[in-house]
């Protein structure tokens, strides 16, 4: 009996520690973006106090059902930025609160920089985030050519 009580107490302590470690962290999958929980990740993760750090998963040129939109890098870039705007708004932030982006482009070429710069300027204006562009041979889905992820900071009020 004593052994069963110890096992139960150990389980309660383990559950308590696990819930404390994630207290205040919000994970959001907005209704107007594909629900990615089935793939093992959240569209948005928000962390707590003194401000919130928001992590937006890589946005690609997908519609609400996850169907790929566009056949060119530029077409996919436009839809990906539209999805990024949706995710930023859903997190309660504004584009100027984006502090870092990471861009992945399949078989990157210099000609992709001009449309990328247009999209960045259109979204961020003069408040540009830190950025990394990573040329890659392939992305998660067949036909997927462009992906952008972002980290935001929302100051405490």
Protein backbone atom coordinates (compact mmCIF):
# COMPACT_ATOMS: atom_id res chain seq x y z
CA UNK A 1 0.00 0.00 0.00
CA UNK A 2 2.83 2.37 0.91
CA UNK A 3 4.42 1.69 -2.52
CA UNK A 4 1.14 2.57 -4.31
CA UNK A 5 0.85 5.83 -2.34
CA UNK A 6 4.47 6.74 -3.23
CA UNK A 7 3.81 6.03 -6.93
CA UNK A 8 0.65 8.17 -6.86
CA UNK A 9 2.45 11.03 -5.08
CA UNK A 10 5.31 10.83 -7.58
CA UNK A 11 2.81 11.06 -10.43
CA UNK A 12 1.11 14.12 -8.89
CA UNK A 13 4.48 15.85 -8.41
CA UNK A 14 5.50 15.06 -12.00
CA UNK A 15 2.23 16.47 -13.35
CA UNK A 16 2.59 19.58 -11.19
CA UNK A 17 6.13 20.24 -12.45
CA UNK A 18 5.03 19.72 -16.07
CA UNK A 19 2.14 22.17 -15.79
CA UNK A 20 4.35 24.78 -14.05
CA UNK A 21 6.89 24.57 -16.87
CA UNK A 22 4.22 25.46 -19.44
CA UNK A 23 2.15 27.89 -17.32
CA UNK A 24 1.28 31.01 -19.31
CA UNK A 25 2.46 29.69 -22.68
CA UNK A 26 -0.28 29.98 -25.30
CA UNK A 27 -0.39 27.97 -28.48
CA UNK A 28 -2.73 29.28 -31.18
CA UNK A 29 -3.93 27.77 -34.44
CA UNK A 30 -6.17 30.49 -35.98
CA UNK A 31 -9.31 29.30 -37.72
CA UNK A 32 -8.32 31.00 -40.99
CA UNK A 33 -4.97 29.17 -41.24
CA UNK A 34 -4.49 25.44 -41.76
CA UNK A 35 -4.70 23.59 -38.44
CA UNK A 36 -1.20 22.20 -38.04
CA UNK A 37 -1.68 20.38 -34.76
CA UNK A 38 -2.06 17.16 -36.75
CA UNK A 39 1.51 17.68 -37.99
CA UNK A 40 2.94 18.15 -34.49
CA UNK A 41 3.36 21.92 -34.26
CA UNK A 42 1.44 25.13 -33.55
CA UNK A 43 1.09 28.07 -35.90
CA UNK A 44 1.79 30.50 -33.03
CA UNK A 45 3.41 30.18 -29.58
CA UNK A 46 3.28 33.08 -27.10
CA UNK A 47 5.48 33.23 -24.00
CA UNK A 48 4.71 35.17 -20.76
CA UNK A 49 5.77 38.18 -18.60
CA UNK A 50 7.55 41.46 -18.97
CA UNK A 51 6.38 41.16 -22.45
CA UNK A 52 5.56 38.30 -24.69
CA UNK A 53 7.77 36.60 -27.20
CA UNK A 54 5.71 35.21 -30.05
CA UNK A 55 7.01 32.48 -32.34
CA UNK A 56 5.22 32.12 -35.66
CA UNK A 57 5.83 28.85 -37.49
CA UNK A 58 6.94 28.90 -41.08
CA UNK A 59 4.15 30.29 -43.23
CA UNK A 60 3.90 28.91 -46.73
CA UNK A 61 1.60 29.61 -49.67
CA UNK A 62 -1.26 27.52 -48.32
CA UNK A 63 -4.94 28.30 -48.14
CA UNK A 64 -7.14 27.51 -45.09
CA UNK A 65 -7.16 23.83 -46.05
CA UNK A 66 -3.40 23.61 -46.62
CA UNK A 67 -3.68 23.58 -50.42
CA UNK A 68 -0.63 25.10 -52.12
CA UNK A 69 -1.32 28.38 -53.94
CA UNK A 70 0.97 29.50 -56.77
CA UNK A 71 3.52 27.75 -58.91
CA UNK A 72 6.32 30.36 -58.85
CA UNK A 73 8.46 31.62 -55.99
CA UNK A 74 6.97 35.10 -56.36
CA UNK A 75 3.35 33.84 -56.29
CA UNK A 76 4.07 31.70 -53.26
CA UNK A 77 5.92 34.57 -51.59
CA UNK A 78 2.84 36.81 -51.87
CA UNK A 79 0.54 34.21 -50.28
CA UNK A 80 3.11 33.38 -47.59
CA UNK A 81 3.33 37.05 -46.58
CA UNK A 82 -0.48 37.24 -46.54
CA UNK A 83 -0.51 34.25 -44.17
CA UNK A 84 2.24 35.83 -42.04
CA UNK A 85 0.11 39.00 -41.69
CA UNK A 86 -2.83 36.83 -40.60
CA UNK A 87 -0.68 35.07 -37.99
CA UNK A 88 0.75 38.37 -36.67
CA UNK A 89 -2.76 39.78 -36.26
CA UNK A 90 -4.01 36.56 -34.61
CA UNK A 91 -1.20 36.81 -32.05
CA UNK A 92 -2.36 40.30 -31.02
CA UNK A 93 0.80 41.92 -32.39
CA UNK A 94 1.60 44.39 -35.15
CA UNK A 95 4.15 43.99 -37.95
CA UNK A 96 6.49 46.46 -36.23
CA UNK A 97 6.74 44.05 -33.30
CA UNK A 98 8.39 41.41 -35.49
CA UNK A 99 11.99 41.24 -34.30
CA UNK A 100 13.31 38.41 -36.46
CA UNK A 101 12.36 36.52 -39.62
CA UNK A 102 13.79 33.47 -41.29
CA UNK A 103 13.16 32.95 -45.01
CA UNK A 104 13.67 29.68 -46.84
CA UNK A 105 13.70 29.60 -50.64
CA UNK A 106 14.07 26.48 -52.77
CA UNK A 107 16.91 26.83 -55.30
CA UNK A 108 17.39 30.49 -54.40
CA UNK A 109 18.41 32.90 -57.15
CA UNK A 110 19.31 36.59 -56.95
CA UNK A 111 16.19 37.50 -58.97
CA UNK A 112 14.06 36.49 -55.96
CA UNK A 113 15.51 39.28 -53.82
CA UNK A 114 13.59 42.09 -55.55
CA UNK A 115 10.10 40.64 -54.92
CA UNK A 116 11.19 39.63 -51.41
CA UNK A 117 12.30 43.19 -50.67
CA UNK A 118 8.94 44.52 -51.97
CA UNK A 119 7.06 42.17 -49.64
CA UNK A 120 9.29 43.06 -46.67
CA UNK A 121 8.96 46.78 -47.30
CA UNK A 122 5.20 46.47 -47.76
CA UNK A 123 4.77 44.65 -44.44
CA UNK A 124 7.38 46.29 -42.24
CA UNK A 125 7.97 49.72 -43.78
CA UNK A 126 11.03 51.18 -42.07
CA UNK A 127 10.79 48.99 -38.94
CA UNK A 128 12.63 46.03 -40.41
CA UNK A 129 13.30 42.91 -38.35
CA UNK A 130 16.52 40.94 -38.22
CA UNK A 131 16.47 38.45 -41.07
CA UNK A 132 18.10 35.30 -42.34
CA UNK A 133 17.56 33.90 -45.84
CA UNK A 134 18.41 30.24 -46.19
CA UNK A 135 18.60 28.67 -49.66
CA UNK A 136 17.34 25.09 -49.46
CA UNK A 137 17.03 22.22 -51.94
CA UNK A 138 13.50 21.34 -50.79
CA UNK A 139 10.76 22.26 -48.32
CA UNK A 140 8.17 20.13 -46.51
CA UNK A 141 5.62 19.72 -49.32
CA UNK A 142 6.04 18.84 -52.98
CA UNK A 143 5.91 22.07 -54.99
CA UNK A 144 6.51 24.30 -51.94
CA UNK A 145 9.11 26.94 -52.91
CA UNK A 146 8.96 29.61 -50.18
CA UNK A 147 8.50 29.74 -46.41
CA UNK A 148 8.84 32.52 -43.81
CA UNK A 149 8.81 32.28 -40.01
CA UNK A 150 8.89 35.13 -37.49
CA UNK A 151 9.67 35.98 -33.88
CA UNK A 152 7.84 38.90 -32.31
CA UNK A 153 8.05 40.77 -29.04
CA UNK A 154 4.98 42.35 -27.48
CA UNK A 155 6.00 44.67 -24.59
CA UNK A 156 4.20 44.43 -21.24
CA UNK A 157 1.64 47.16 -20.68
